[in-house]
Amino acid sequence: MFDEFMPRGIILFWSIIFNCARFENQRWVRARQGGLRGSNEAVGAFVDLTYWIGLALILTVMALSFFDFGWKQTAGLIGLTMVAGWIWAAIGAFIVTPLFLSVVGTMLVYVAAIPLLLQFSWFGLR
């Protein structure tokens, strides 16, 4: 019954990794908006730009998923990724050094985006 809503395993895996990384980047952006500043403005610009790039990439992934697999698997991908993100946020609340996770998450946005984006046909171009 729910099999038609289940996305491919590799896409689900990389989507969860990508979205957890985006979440950590969002924590860093929010901390920067709250007054956390470093001595290097280029790093701050990189963190803020990563937020917008991650947002554009997740919207692209949803469009690619909808094109390749239809609305049911895309809805399943969104739902399962959201649940995994909530679990990650709950676990992350107990971590003592969230800045370390934010740094790793910001870098992981780019690392996880590559294999995730390679799973799609790019609107029939691949």
PDB file of N, CA and C in Angstrom:
ATOM      1  N   MET A   1       0.819  -1.191   0.000  1.00  0.00           N
ATOM      2  CA  MET A   1       0.000   0.000   0.000  1.00  0.00           C
ATOM      3  C   MET A   1       0.866   1.260   0.000  1.00  0.00           C
ATOM      4  N   PHE A   2       1.889   1.301   0.852  1.00  0.00           N
ATOM      5  CA  PHE A   2       2.740   2.481   0.912  1.00  0.00           C
ATOM      6  C   PHE A   2       3.991   2.346   0.058  1.00  0.00           C
ATOM      7  N   ASP A   3       4.134   1.221  -0.635  1.00  0.00           N
ATOM      8  CA  ASP A   3       5.316   1.016  -1.474  1.00  0.00           C
ATOM      9  C   ASP A   3       5.429   2.056  -2.580  1.00  0.00           C
ATOM     10  N   GLU A   4       4.309   2.506  -3.079  1.00  0.00           N
ATOM     11  CA  GLU A   4       4.346   3.493  -4.165  1.00  0.00           C
ATOM     12  C   GLU A   4       4.819   4.864  -3.683  1.00  0.00           C
ATOM     13  N   PHE A   5       4.824   5.090  -2.372  1.00  0.00           N
ATOM     14  CA  PHE A   5       5.304   6.352  -1.812  1.00  0.00           C
ATOM     15  C   PHE A   5       6.773   6.281  -1.404  1.00  0.00           C
ATOM     16  N   MET A   6       7.369   5.104  -1.477  1.00  0.00           N
ATOM     17  CA  MET A   6       8.739   4.899  -1.007  1.00  0.00           C
ATOM     18  C   MET A   6       9.744   5.294  -2.091  1.00  0.00           C
ATOM     19  N   PRO A   7      10.605   6.279  -1.815  1.00  0.00           N
ATOM     20  CA  PRO A   7      11.630   6.649  -2.803  1.00  0.00           C
ATOM     21  C   PRO A   7      12.747   5.608  -2.823  1.00  0.00           C
ATOM     22  N   ARG A   8      13.581   5.689  -3.841  1.00  0.00           N
ATOM     23  CA  ARG A   8      14.730   4.784  -3.929  1.00  0.00           C
ATOM     24  C   ARG A   8      15.631   5.002  -2.714  1.00  0.00           C
ATOM     25  N   GLY A   9      16.229   3.928  -2.243  1.00  0.00           N
ATOM     26  CA  GLY A   9      17.017   3.973  -1.017  1.00  0.00           C
ATOM     27  C   GLY A   9      18.185   4.937  -1.062  1.00  0.00           C
ATOM     28  N   ILE A  10      18.933   4.934  -2.160  1.00  0.00           N
ATOM     29  CA  ILE A  10      20.113   5.806  -2.263  1.00  0.00           C
ATOM     30  C   ILE A  10      19.697   7.276  -2.292  1.00  0.00           C
ATOM     31  N   ILE A  11      18.578   7.572  -2.912  1.00  0.00           N
ATOM     32  CA  ILE A  11      18.084   8.950  -2.941  1.00  0.00           C
ATOM     33  C   ILE A  11      17.636   9.367  -1.542  1.00  0.00           C
ATOM     34  N   LEU A  12      16.952   8.477  -0.853  1.00  0.00           N
ATOM     35  CA  LEU A  12      16.517   8.785   0.506  1.00  0.00           C
ATOM     36  C   LEU A  12      17.718   8.999   1.418  1.00  0.00           C
ATOM     37  N   PHE A  13      18.728   8.151   1.318  1.00  0.00           N
ATOM     38  CA  PHE A  13      19.928   8.279   2.145  1.00  0.00           C
ATOM     39  C   PHE A  13      20.598   9.631   1.942  1.00  0.00           C
ATOM     40  N   TRP A  14      20.902   9.984   0.691  1.00  0.00           N
ATOM     41  CA  TRP A  14      21.603  11.239   0.434  1.00  0.00           C
ATOM     42  C   TRP A  14      20.721  12.451   0.712  1.00  0.00           C
ATOM     43  N   SER A  15      19.419  12.305   0.540  1.00  0.00           N
ATOM     44  CA  SER A  15      18.515  13.406   0.855  1.00  0.00           C
ATOM     45  C   SER A  15      18.492  13.685   2.360  1.00  0.00           C
ATOM     46  N   ILE A  16      18.510  12.629   3.156  1.00  0.00           N
ATOM     47  CA  ILE A  16      18.549  12.806   4.612  1.00  0.00           C
ATOM     48  C   ILE A  16      19.866  13.449   5.032  1.00  0.00           C
ATOM     49  N   ILE A  17      20.979  12.966   4.497  1.00  0.00           N
ATOM     50  CA  ILE A  17      22.284  13.548   4.820  1.00  0.00           C
ATOM     51  C   ILE A  17      22.308  15.022   4.414  1.00  0.00           C
ATOM     52  N   PHE A  18      21.837  15.310   3.204  1.00  0.00           N
ATOM     53  CA  PHE A  18      21.837  16.680   2.691  1.00  0.00           C
ATOM     54  C   PHE A  18      20.978  17.593   3.562  1.00  0.00           C
ATOM     55  N   ASN A  19      19.802  17.131   3.949  1.00  0.00           N
ATOM     56  CA  ASN A  19      18.908  17.977   4.735  1.00  0.00           C
ATOM     57  C   ASN A  19      19.382  18.160   6.167  1.00  0.00           C
ATOM     58  N   CYS A  20      20.011  17.154   6.746  1.00  0.00           N
ATOM     59  CA  CYS A  20      20.602  17.333   8.071  1.00  0.00           C
ATOM     60  C   CYS A  20      21.763  18.327   8.004  1.00  0.00           C
ATOM     61  N   ALA A  21      22.542  18.269   6.925  1.00  0.00           N
ATOM     62  CA  ALA A  21      23.630  19.240   6.735  1.00  0.00           C
ATOM     63  C   ALA A  21      23.066  20.645   6.563  1.00  0.00           C
ATOM     64  N   ARG A  22      21.991  20.764   5.794  1.00  0.00           N
ATOM     65  CA  ARG A  22      21.348  22.074   5.626  1.00  0.00           C
ATOM     66  C   ARG A  22      20.846  22.615   6.967  1.00  0.00           C
ATOM     67  N   PHE A  23      20.296  21.721   7.781  1.00  0.00           N
ATOM     68  CA  PHE A  23      19.800  22.128   9.097  1.00  0.00           C
ATOM     69  C   PHE A  23      20.930  22.692   9.950  1.00  0.00           C
ATOM     70  N   GLU A  24      22.083  22.039   9.930  1.00  0.00           N
ATOM     71  CA  GLU A  24      23.218  22.533  10.709  1.00  0.00           C
ATOM     72  C   GLU A  24      23.712  23.877  10.167  1.00  0.00           C
ATOM     73  N   ASN A  25      23.695  24.029   8.849  1.00  0.00           N
ATOM     74  CA  ASN A  25      24.062  25.316   8.263  1.00  0.00           C
ATOM     75  C   ASN A  25      23.073  26.394   8.698  1.00  0.00           C
ATOM     76  N   GLN A  26      21.799  26.044   8.753  1.00  0.00           N
ATOM     77  CA  GLN A  26      20.789  27.014   9.191  1.00  0.00           C
ATOM     78  C   GLN A  26      21.005  27.417  10.646  1.00  0.00           C
ATOM     79  N   ARG A  27      21.458  26.494  11.479  1.00  0.00           N
ATOM     80  CA  ARG A  27      21.781  26.851  12.870  1.00  0.00           C
ATOM     81  C   ARG A  27      22.884  27.904  12.907  1.00  0.00           C
ATOM     82  N   TRP A  28      23.888  27.717  12.062  1.00  0.00           N
ATOM     83  CA  TRP A  28      25.007  28.655  12.028  1.00  0.00           C
ATOM     84  C   TRP A  28      24.537  30.014  11.526  1.00  0.00           C
ATOM     85  N   VAL A  29      23.715  30.028  10.495  1.00  0.00           N
ATOM     86  CA  VAL A  29      23.185  31.289   9.969  1.00  0.00           C
ATOM     87  C   VAL A  29      22.368  31.996  11.043  1.00  0.00           C
ATOM     88  N   ARG A  30      21.556  31.226  11.744  1.00  0.00           N
ATOM     89  CA  ARG A  30      20.747  31.829  12.809  1.00  0.00           C
ATOM     90  C   ARG A  30      21.622  32.373  13.938  1.00  0.00           C
ATOM     91  N   ALA A  31      22.683  31.643  14.276  1.00  0.00           N
ATOM     92  CA  ALA A  31      23.607  32.133  15.307  1.00  0.00           C
ATOM     93  C   ALA A  31      24.290  33.415  14.842  1.00  0.00           C
ATOM     94  N   ARG A  32      24.613  33.488  13.562  1.00  0.00           N
ATOM     95  CA  ARG A  32      25.219  34.712  13.020  1.00  0.00           C
ATOM     96  C   ARG A  32      24.222  35.865  13.082  1.00  0.00           C
ATOM     97  N   GLN A  33      22.973  35.595  12.808  1.00  0.00           N
ATOM     98  CA  GLN A  33      21.964  36.648  12.898  1.00  0.00           C
ATOM     99  C   GLN A  33      21.763  37.090  14.347  1.00  0.00           C
ATOM    100  N   GLY A  34      22.028  36.185  15.275  1.00  0.00           N
ATOM    101  CA  GLY A  34      21.896  36.498  16.695  1.00  0.00           C
ATOM    102  C   GLY A  34      23.113  37.196  17.286  1.00  0.00           C
ATOM    103  N   GLY A  35      24.147  37.427  16.469  1.00  0.00           N
ATOM    104  CA  GLY A  35      25.297  38.175  16.951  1.00  0.00           C
ATOM    105  C   GLY A  35      26.618  37.427  16.924  1.00  0.00           C
ATOM    106  N   LEU A  36      26.613  36.135  16.620  1.00  0.00           N
ATOM    107  CA  LEU A  36      27.861  35.376  16.549  1.00  0.00           C
ATOM    108  C   LEU A  36      28.635  35.816  15.306  1.00  0.00           C
ATOM    109  N   ARG A  37      29.797  36.385  15.531  1.00  0.00           N
ATOM    110  CA  ARG A  37      30.621  36.860  14.418  1.00  0.00           C
ATOM    111  C   ARG A  37      32.051  36.404  14.641  1.00  0.00           C
ATOM    112  N   GLY A  38      32.696  36.054  13.559  1.00  0.00           N
ATOM    113  CA  GLY A  38      34.107  35.706  13.623  1.00  0.00           C
ATOM    114  C   GLY A  38      34.931  36.856  13.085  1.00  0.00           C
ATOM    115  N   SER A  39      36.224  36.638  13.022  1.00  0.00           N
ATOM    116  CA  SER A  39      37.107  37.699  12.540  1.00  0.00           C
ATOM    117  C   SER A  39      37.210  37.723  11.018  1.00  0.00           C
ATOM    118  N   ASN A  40      36.761  36.670  10.360  1.00  0.00           N
ATOM    119  CA  ASN A  40      36.886  36.579   8.916  1.00  0.00           C
ATOM    120  C   ASN A  40      35.515  36.752   8.265  1.00  0.00           C
ATOM    121  N   GLU A  41      35.345  37.844   7.557  1.00  0.00           N
ATOM    122  CA  GLU A  41      34.063  38.112   6.910  1.00  0.00           C
ATOM    123  C   GLU A  41      33.799  37.182   5.743  1.00  0.00           C
ATOM    124  N   ALA A  42      34.845  36.663   5.116  1.00  0.00           N
ATOM    125  CA  ALA A  42      34.677  35.752   3.988  1.00  0.00           C
ATOM    126  C   ALA A  42      34.017  34.446   4.436  1.00  0.00           C
ATOM    127  N   VAL A  43      34.379  33.974   5.614  1.00  0.00           N
ATOM    128  CA  VAL A  43      33.748  32.760   6.139  1.00  0.00           C
ATOM    129  C   VAL A  43      32.262  33.018   6.382  1.00  0.00           C
ATOM    130  N   GLY A  44      31.941  34.154   6.941  1.00  0.00           N
ATOM    131  CA  GLY A  44      30.537  34.497   7.169  1.00  0.00           C
ATOM    132  C   GLY A  44      29.753  34.579   5.872  1.00  0.00           C
ATOM    133  N   ALA A  45      30.356  35.170   4.861  1.00  0.00           N
ATOM    134  CA  ALA A  45      29.689  35.245   3.559  1.00  0.00           C
ATOM    135  C   ALA A  45      29.497  33.849   2.971  1.00  0.00           C
ATOM    136  N   PHE A  46      30.485  32.979   3.151  1.00  0.00           N
ATOM    137  CA  PHE A  46      30.390  31.596   2.671  1.00  0.00           C
ATOM    138  C   PHE A  46      29.255  30.856   3.373  1.00  0.00           C
ATOM    139  N   VAL A  47      29.143  31.044   4.677  1.00  0.00           N
ATOM    140  CA  VAL A  47      28.079  30.391   5.446  1.00  0.00           C
ATOM    141  C   VAL A  47      26.716  30.879   4.967  1.00  0.00           C
ATOM    142  N   ASP A  48      26.581  32.185   4.805  1.00  0.00           N
ATOM    143  CA  ASP A  48      25.299  32.736   4.359  1.00  0.00           C
ATOM    144  C   ASP A  48      24.969  32.309   2.933  1.00  0.00           C
ATOM    145  N   LEU A  49      25.959  32.264   2.063  1.00  0.00           N
ATOM    146  CA  LEU A  49      25.739  31.837   0.677  1.00  0.00           C
ATOM    147  C   LEU A  49      25.371  30.358   0.626  1.00  0.00           C
ATOM    148  N   THR A  50      25.971  29.565   1.484  1.00  0.00           N
ATOM    149  CA  THR A  50      25.650  28.131   1.528  1.00  0.00           C
ATOM    150  C   THR A  50      24.192  27.910   1.862  1.00  0.00           C
ATOM    151  N   TYR A  51      23.642  28.762   2.723  1.00  0.00           N
ATOM    152  CA  TYR A  51      22.220  28.660   3.048  1.00  0.00           C
ATOM    153  C   TYR A  51      21.368  28.790   1.783  1.00  0.00           C
ATOM    154  N   TRP A  52      21.639  29.796   0.988  1.00  0.00           N
ATOM    155  CA  TRP A  52      20.849  30.034  -0.222  1.00  0.00           C
ATOM    156  C   TRP A  52      21.096  28.970  -1.284  1.00  0.00           C
ATOM    157  N   ILE A  53      22.327  28.508  -1.396  1.00  0.00           N
ATOM    158  CA  ILE A  53      22.630  27.438  -2.345  1.00  0.00           C
ATOM    159  C   ILE A  53      21.917  26.152  -1.923  1.00  0.00           C
ATOM    160  N   GLY A  54      21.944  25.836  -0.634  1.00  0.00           N
ATOM    161  CA  GLY A  54      21.252  24.651  -0.138  1.00  0.00           C
ATOM    162  C   GLY A  54      19.754  24.714  -0.375  1.00  0.00           C
ATOM    163  N   LEU A  55      19.170  25.884  -0.185  1.00  0.00           N
ATOM    164  CA  LEU A  55      17.741  26.051  -0.435  1.00  0.00           C
ATOM    165  C   LEU A  55      17.424  25.843  -1.913  1.00  0.00           C
ATOM    166  N   ALA A  56      18.225  26.423  -2.789  1.00  0.00           N
ATOM    167  CA  ALA A  56      18.010  26.245  -4.231  1.00  0.00           C
ATOM    168  C   ALA A  56      18.187  24.780  -4.639  1.00  0.00           C
ATOM    169  N   LEU A  57      19.168  24.116  -4.042  1.00  0.00           N
ATOM    170  CA  LEU A  57      19.408  22.717  -4.396  1.00  0.00           C
ATOM    171  C   LEU A  57      18.286  21.799  -3.925  1.00  0.00           C
ATOM    172  N   ILE A  58      17.730  22.046  -2.745  1.00  0.00           N
ATOM    173  CA  ILE A  58      16.656  21.163  -2.275  1.00  0.00           C
ATOM    174  C   ILE A  58      15.392  21.366  -3.102  1.00  0.00           C
ATOM    175  N   LEU A  59      15.142  22.578  -3.533  1.00  0.00           N
ATOM    176  CA  LEU A  59      14.003  22.809  -4.437  1.00  0.00           C
ATOM    177  C   LEU A  59      14.231  22.128  -5.779  1.00  0.00           C
ATOM    178  N   THR A  60      15.480  22.141  -6.244  1.00  0.00           N
ATOM    179  CA  THR A  60      15.820  21.445  -7.491  1.00  0.00           C
ATOM    180  C   THR A  60      15.638  19.944  -7.334  1.00  0.00           C
ATOM    181  N   VAL A  61      16.057  19.392  -6.210  1.00  0.00           N
ATOM    182  CA  VAL A  61      15.906  17.951  -5.964  1.00  0.00           C
ATOM    183  C   VAL A  61      14.428  17.567  -5.962  1.00  0.00           C
ATOM    184  N   MET A  62      13.590  18.389  -5.351  1.00  0.00           N
ATOM    185  CA  MET A  62      12.164  18.078  -5.334  1.00  0.00           C
ATOM    186  C   MET A  62      11.569  18.115  -6.747  1.00  0.00           C
ATOM    187  N   ALA A  63      11.977  19.084  -7.554  1.00  0.00           N
ATOM    188  CA  ALA A  63      11.494  19.156  -8.936  1.00  0.00           C
ATOM    189  C   ALA A  63      12.000  17.963  -9.751  1.00  0.00           C
ATOM    190  N   LEU A  64      13.258  17.595  -9.565  1.00  0.00           N
ATOM    191  CA  LEU A  64      13.813  16.446 -10.283  1.00  0.00           C
ATOM    192  C   LEU A  64      13.119  15.155  -9.865  1.00  0.00           C
ATOM    193  N   SER A  65      12.856  15.007  -8.581  1.00  0.00           N
ATOM    194  CA  SER A  65      12.165  13.824  -8.094  1.00  0.00           C
ATOM    195  C   SER A  65      10.754  13.749  -8.661  1.00  0.00           C
ATOM    196  N   PHE A  66      10.076  14.871  -8.686  1.00  0.00           N
ATOM    197  CA  PHE A  66       8.723  14.908  -9.245  1.00  0.00           C
ATOM    198  C   PHE A  66       8.745  14.523 -10.717  1.00  0.00           C
ATOM    199  N   PHE A  67       9.723  15.013 -11.470  1.00  0.00           N
ATOM    200  CA  PHE A  67       9.817  14.705 -12.897  1.00  0.00           C
ATOM    201  C   PHE A  67      10.141  13.228 -13.128  1.00  0.00           C
ATOM    202  N   ASP A  68      11.104  12.698 -12.365  1.00  0.00           N
ATOM    203  CA  ASP A  68      11.564  11.324 -12.591  1.00  0.00           C
ATOM    204  C   ASP A  68      10.641  10.268 -11.998  1.00  0.00           C
ATOM    205  N   PHE A  69      10.051  10.521 -10.831  1.00  0.00           N
ATOM    206  CA  PHE A  69       9.345   9.471 -10.104  1.00  0.00           C
ATOM    207  C   PHE A  69       7.881   9.767  -9.812  1.00  0.00           C
ATOM    208  N   GLY A  70       7.425  10.979 -10.055  1.00  0.00           N
ATOM    209  CA  GLY A  70       6.028  11.306  -9.817  1.00  0.00           C
ATOM    210  C   GLY A  70       5.788  11.869  -8.423  1.00  0.00           C
ATOM    211  N   TRP A  71       4.552  12.256  -8.205  1.00  0.00           N
ATOM    212  CA  TRP A  71       4.226  12.966  -6.972  1.00  0.00           C
ATOM    213  C   TRP A  71       4.229  12.062  -5.746  1.00  0.00           C
ATOM    214  N   LYS A  72       3.915  10.770  -5.917  1.00  0.00           N
ATOM    215  CA  LYS A  72       3.834   9.892  -4.750  1.00  0.00           C
ATOM    216  C   LYS A  72       5.206   9.669  -4.115  1.00  0.00           C
ATOM    217  N   GLN A  73       6.205   9.349  -4.946  1.00  0.00           N
ATOM    218  CA  GLN A  73       7.545   9.145  -4.387  1.00  0.00           C
ATOM    219  C   GLN A  73       8.151  10.454  -3.894  1.00  0.00           C
ATOM    220  N   THR A  74       7.810  11.556  -4.544  1.00  0.00           N
ATOM    221  CA  THR A  74       8.302  12.850  -4.070  1.00  0.00           C
ATOM    222  C   THR A  74       7.689  13.186  -2.712  1.00  0.00           C
ATOM    223  N   ALA A  75       6.402  12.913  -2.547  1.00  0.00           N
ATOM    224  CA  ALA A  75       5.756  13.133  -1.250  1.00  0.00           C
ATOM    225  C   ALA A  75       6.374  12.236  -0.183  1.00  0.00           C
ATOM    226  N   GLY A  76       6.660  10.990  -0.540  1.00  0.00           N
ATOM    227  CA  GLY A  76       7.324  10.082   0.394  1.00  0.00           C
ATOM    228  C   GLY A  76       8.713  10.569   0.765  1.00  0.00           C
ATOM    229  N   LEU A  77       9.447  11.077  -0.226  1.00  0.00           N
ATOM    230  CA  LEU A  77      10.786  11.601   0.027  1.00  0.00           C
ATOM    231  C   LEU A  77      10.734  12.800   0.968  1.00  0.00           C
ATOM    232  N   ILE A  78       9.803  13.698   0.729  1.00  0.00           N
ATOM    233  CA  ILE A  78       9.664  14.879   1.592  1.00  0.00           C
ATOM    234  C   ILE A  78       9.291  14.453   3.012  1.00  0.00           C
ATOM    235  N   GLY A  79       8.313  13.572   3.138  1.00  0.00           N
ATOM    236  CA  GLY A  79       7.861  13.148   4.460  1.00  0.00           C
ATOM    237  C   GLY A  79       8.935  12.425   5.259  1.00  0.00           C
ATOM    238  N   LEU A  80       9.605  11.467   4.644  1.00  0.00           N
ATOM    239  CA  LEU A  80      10.635  10.708   5.352  1.00  0.00           C
ATOM    240  C   LEU A  80      11.843  11.578   5.686  1.00  0.00           C
ATOM    241  N   THR A  81      12.175  12.495   4.796  1.00  0.00           N
ATOM    242  CA  THR A  81      13.296  13.392   5.055  1.00  0.00           C
ATOM    243  C   THR A  81      12.971  14.348   6.204  1.00  0.00           C
ATOM    244  N   MET A  82      11.727  14.804   6.263  1.00  0.00           N
ATOM    245  CA  MET A  82      11.325  15.683   7.363  1.00  0.00           C
ATOM    246  C   MET A  82      11.384  14.959   8.697  1.00  0.00           C
ATOM    247  N   VAL A  83      10.899  13.732   8.741  1.00  0.00           N
ATOM    248  CA  VAL A  83      10.927  12.959   9.990  1.00  0.00           C
ATOM    249  C   VAL A  83      12.373  12.734  10.432  1.00  0.00           C
ATOM    250  N   ALA A  84      13.238  12.377   9.488  1.00  0.00           N
ATOM    251  CA  ALA A  84      14.657  12.176   9.828  1.00  0.00           C
ATOM    252  C   ALA A  84      15.287  13.483  10.318  1.00  0.00           C
ATOM    253  N   GLY A  85      14.902  14.602   9.731  1.00  0.00           N
ATOM    254  CA  GLY A  85      15.403  15.902  10.179  1.00  0.00           C
ATOM    255  C   GLY A  85      14.965  16.230  11.596  1.00  0.00           C
ATOM    256  N   TRP A  86      13.730  15.890  11.921  1.00  0.00           N
ATOM    257  CA  TRP A  86      13.238  16.127  13.288  1.00  0.00           C
ATOM    258  C   TRP A  86      13.995  15.270  14.295  1.00  0.00           C
ATOM    259  N   ILE A  87      14.264  14.030  13.904  1.00  0.00           N
ATOM    260  CA  ILE A  87      15.031  13.150  14.795  1.00  0.00           C
ATOM    261  C   ILE A  87      16.433  13.710  14.978  1.00  0.00           C
ATOM    262  N   TRP A  88      17.049  14.171  13.870  1.00  0.00           N
ATOM    263  CA  TRP A  88      18.392  14.750  13.958  1.00  0.00           C
ATOM    264  C   TRP A  88      18.382  15.998  14.852  1.00  0.00           C
ATOM    265  N   ALA A  89      17.363  16.828  14.732  1.00  0.00           N
ATOM    266  CA  ALA A  89      17.280  18.033  15.558  1.00  0.00           C
ATOM    267  C   ALA A  89      17.150  17.677  17.031  1.00  0.00           C
ATOM    268  N   ALA A  90      16.383  16.636  17.328  1.00  0.00           N
ATOM    269  CA  ALA A  90      16.231  16.215  18.719  1.00  0.00           C
ATOM    270  C   ALA A  90      17.549  15.683  19.275  1.00  0.00           C
ATOM    271  N   ILE A  91      18.267  14.910  18.475  1.00  0.00           N
ATOM    272  CA  ILE A  91      19.570  14.400  18.911  1.00  0.00           C
ATOM    273  C   ILE A  91      20.560  15.553  19.053  1.00  0.00           C
ATOM    274  N   GLY A  92      20.542  16.481  18.091  1.00  0.00           N
ATOM    275  CA  GLY A  92      21.457  17.607  18.111  1.00  0.00           C
ATOM    276  C   GLY A  92      21.266  18.545  19.289  1.00  0.00           C
ATOM    277  N   ALA A  93      20.104  18.504  19.899  1.00  0.00           N
ATOM    278  CA  ALA A  93      19.849  19.358  21.058  1.00  0.00           C
ATOM    279  C   ALA A  93      20.696  18.948  22.259  1.00  0.00           C
ATOM    280  N   PHE A  94      21.173  17.712  22.266  1.00  0.00           N
ATOM    281  CA  PHE A  94      21.980  17.219  23.380  1.00  0.00           C
ATOM    282  C   PHE A  94      23.480  17.335  23.136  1.00  0.00           C
ATOM    283  N   ILE A  95      23.867  17.818  21.973  1.00  0.00           N
ATOM    284  CA  ILE A  95      25.283  17.973  21.645  1.00  0.00           C
ATOM    285  C   ILE A  95      25.800  19.247  22.313  1.00  0.00           C
ATOM    286  N   VAL A  96      26.943  19.158  22.941  1.00  0.00           N
ATOM    287  CA  VAL A  96      27.472  20.282  23.708  1.00  0.00           C
ATOM    288  C   VAL A  96      28.083  21.348  22.800  1.00  0.00           C
ATOM    289  N   THR A  97      28.702  20.959  21.705  1.00  0.00           N
ATOM    290  CA  THR A  97      29.387  21.915  20.826  1.00  0.00           C
ATOM    291  C   THR A  97      28.663  22.010  19.487  1.00  0.00           C
ATOM    292  N   PRO A  98      27.570  22.748  19.435  1.00  0.00           N
ATOM    293  CA  PRO A  98      26.814  22.814  18.180  1.00  0.00           C
ATOM    294  C   PRO A  98      27.561  23.550  17.065  1.00  0.00           C
ATOM    295  N   LEU A  99      28.525  24.419  17.408  1.00  0.00           N
ATOM    296  CA  LEU A  99      29.257  25.126  16.363  1.00  0.00           C
ATOM    297  C   LEU A  99      30.073  24.152  15.524  1.00  0.00           C
ATOM    298  N   PHE A 100      30.646  23.133  16.165  1.00  0.00           N
ATOM    299  CA  PHE A 100      31.381  22.112  15.419  1.00  0.00           C
ATOM    300  C   PHE A 100      30.471  21.418  14.419  1.00  0.00           C
ATOM    301  N   LEU A 101      29.257  21.059  14.855  1.00  0.00           N
ATOM    302  CA  LEU A 101      28.297  20.436  13.944  1.00  0.00           C
ATOM    303  C   LEU A 101      27.901  21.381  12.818  1.00  0.00           C
ATOM    304  N   SER A 102      27.796  22.657  13.121  1.00  0.00           N
ATOM    305  CA  SER A 102      27.442  23.633  12.090  1.00  0.00           C
ATOM    306  C   SER A 102      28.530  23.762  11.039  1.00  0.00           C
ATOM    307  N   VAL A 103      29.763  23.721  11.465  1.00  0.00           N
ATOM    308  CA  VAL A 103      30.882  23.796  10.514  1.00  0.00           C
ATOM    309  C   VAL A 103      30.883  22.562   9.622  1.00  0.00           C
ATOM    310  N   VAL A 104      30.770  21.387  10.236  1.00  0.00           N
ATOM    311  CA  VAL A 104      30.751  20.147   9.452  1.00  0.00           C
ATOM    312  C   VAL A 104      29.529  20.116   8.543  1.00  0.00           C
ATOM    313  N   GLY A 105      28.381  20.527   9.053  1.00  0.00           N
ATOM    314  CA  GLY A 105      27.163  20.537   8.253  1.00  0.00           C
ATOM    315  C   GLY A 105      27.251  21.465   7.058  1.00  0.00           C
ATOM    316  N   THR A 106      27.871  22.623   7.237  1.00  0.00           N
ATOM    317  CA  THR A 106      28.010  23.563   6.130  1.00  0.00           C
ATOM    318  C   THR A 106      28.862  22.956   5.015  1.00  0.00           C
ATOM    319  N   MET A 107      29.940  22.283   5.372  1.00  0.00           N
ATOM    320  CA  MET A 107      30.775  21.626   4.358  1.00  0.00           C
ATOM    321  C   MET A 107      30.043  20.445   3.729  1.00  0.00           C
ATOM    322  N   LEU A 108      29.286  19.728   4.549  1.00  0.00           N
ATOM    323  CA  LEU A 108      28.584  18.540   4.068  1.00  0.00           C
ATOM    324  C   LEU A 108      27.457  18.879   3.097  1.00  0.00           C
ATOM    325  N   VAL A 109      26.967  20.109   3.109  1.00  0.00           N
ATOM    326  CA  VAL A 109      25.955  20.510   2.137  1.00  0.00           C
ATOM    327  C   VAL A 109      26.471  20.258   0.721  1.00  0.00           C
ATOM    328  N   TYR A 110      27.701  20.643   0.473  1.00  0.00           N
ATOM    329  CA  TYR A 110      28.273  20.489  -0.872  1.00  0.00           C
ATOM    330  C   TYR A 110      28.643  19.038  -1.161  1.00  0.00           C
ATOM    331  N   VAL A 111      29.152  18.356  -0.154  1.00  0.00           N
ATOM    332  CA  VAL A 111      29.566  16.957  -0.338  1.00  0.00           C
ATOM    333  C   VAL A 111      28.357  16.073  -0.627  1.00  0.00           C
ATOM    334  N   ALA A 112      27.275  16.260   0.091  1.00  0.00           N
ATOM    335  CA  ALA A 112      26.089  15.423  -0.082  1.00  0.00           C
ATOM    336  C   ALA A 112      25.279  15.808  -1.318  1.00  0.00           C
ATOM    337  N   ALA A 113      25.400  17.044  -1.765  1.00  0.00           N
ATOM    338  CA  ALA A 113      24.619  17.473  -2.927  1.00  0.00           C
ATOM    339  C   ALA A 113      25.054  16.761  -4.201  1.00  0.00           C
ATOM    340  N   ILE A 114      26.339  16.491  -4.335  1.00  0.00           N
ATOM    341  CA  ILE A 114      26.847  15.892  -5.579  1.00  0.00           C
ATOM    342  C   ILE A 114      26.264  14.505  -5.823  1.00  0.00           C
ATOM    343  N   PRO A 115      26.416  13.540  -4.890  1.00  0.00           N
ATOM    344  CA  PRO A 115      25.824  12.224  -5.187  1.00  0.00           C
ATOM    345  C   PRO A 115      24.297  12.250  -5.245  1.00  0.00           C
ATOM    346  N   LEU A 116      23.673  13.158  -4.496  1.00  0.00           N
ATOM    347  CA  LEU A 116      22.220  13.255  -4.552  1.00  0.00           C
ATOM    348  C   LEU A 116      21.762  13.714  -5.931  1.00  0.00           C
ATOM    349  N   LEU A 117      22.380  14.743  -6.445  1.00  0.00           N
ATOM    350  CA  LEU A 117      21.969  15.275  -7.751  1.00  0.00           C
ATOM    351  C   LEU A 117      22.288  14.319  -8.895  1.00  0.00           C
ATOM    352  N   LEU A 118      23.281  13.469  -8.706  1.00  0.00           N
ATOM    353  CA  LEU A 118      23.632  12.500  -9.754  1.00  0.00           C
ATOM    354  C   LEU A 118      22.643  11.341  -9.856  1.00  0.00           C
ATOM    355  N   GLN A 119      21.687  11.254  -8.962  1.00  0.00           N
ATOM    356  CA  GLN A 119      20.698  10.170  -8.975  1.00  0.00           C
ATOM    357  C   GLN A 119      19.533  10.450  -9.907  1.00  0.00           C
ATOM    358  N   PHE A 120      19.472  11.625 -10.482  1.00  0.00           N
ATOM    359  CA  PHE A 120      18.309  12.021 -11.292  1.00  0.00           C
ATOM    360  C   PHE A 120      18.694  12.169 -12.765  1.00  0.00           C
ATOM    361  N   SER A 121      17.670  12.183 -13.615  1.00  0.00           N
ATOM    362  CA  SER A 121      17.899  12.264 -15.057  1.00  0.00           C
ATOM    363  C   SER A 121      18.053  13.693 -15.554  1.00  0.00           C
ATOM    364  N   TRP A 122      17.866  14.664 -14.698  1.00  0.00           N
ATOM    365  CA  TRP A 122      17.934  16.079 -15.056  1.00  0.00           C
ATOM    366  C   TRP A 122      16.969  16.398 -16.193  1.00  0.00           C
ATOM    367  N   PHE A 123      15.713  16.080 -15.944  1.00  0.00           N
ATOM    368  CA  PHE A 123      14.606  16.350 -16.871  1.00  0.00           C
ATOM    369  C   PHE A 123      14.839  15.688 -18.213  1.00  0.00           C
ATOM    370  N   GLY A 124      15.400  14.479 -18.188  1.00  0.00           N
ATOM    371  CA  GLY A 124      15.611  13.714 -19.406  1.00  0.00           C
ATOM    372  C   GLY A 124      16.910  13.999 -20.133  1.00  0.00           C
ATOM    373  N   LEU A 125      17.758  14.838 -19.588  1.00  0.00           N
ATOM    374  CA  LEU A 125      19.011  15.189 -20.263  1.00  0.00           C
ATOM    375  C   LEU A 125      20.110  14.152 -20.030  1.00  0.00           C
ATOM    376  N   ARG A 126      19.989  13.346 -19.012  1.00  0.00           N
ATOM    377  CA  ARG A 126      21.015  12.323 -18.721  1.00  0.00           C
ATOM    378  C   ARG A 126      20.531  10.967 -19.087  1.00  0.00           C
TER     379      ARG A 126
END
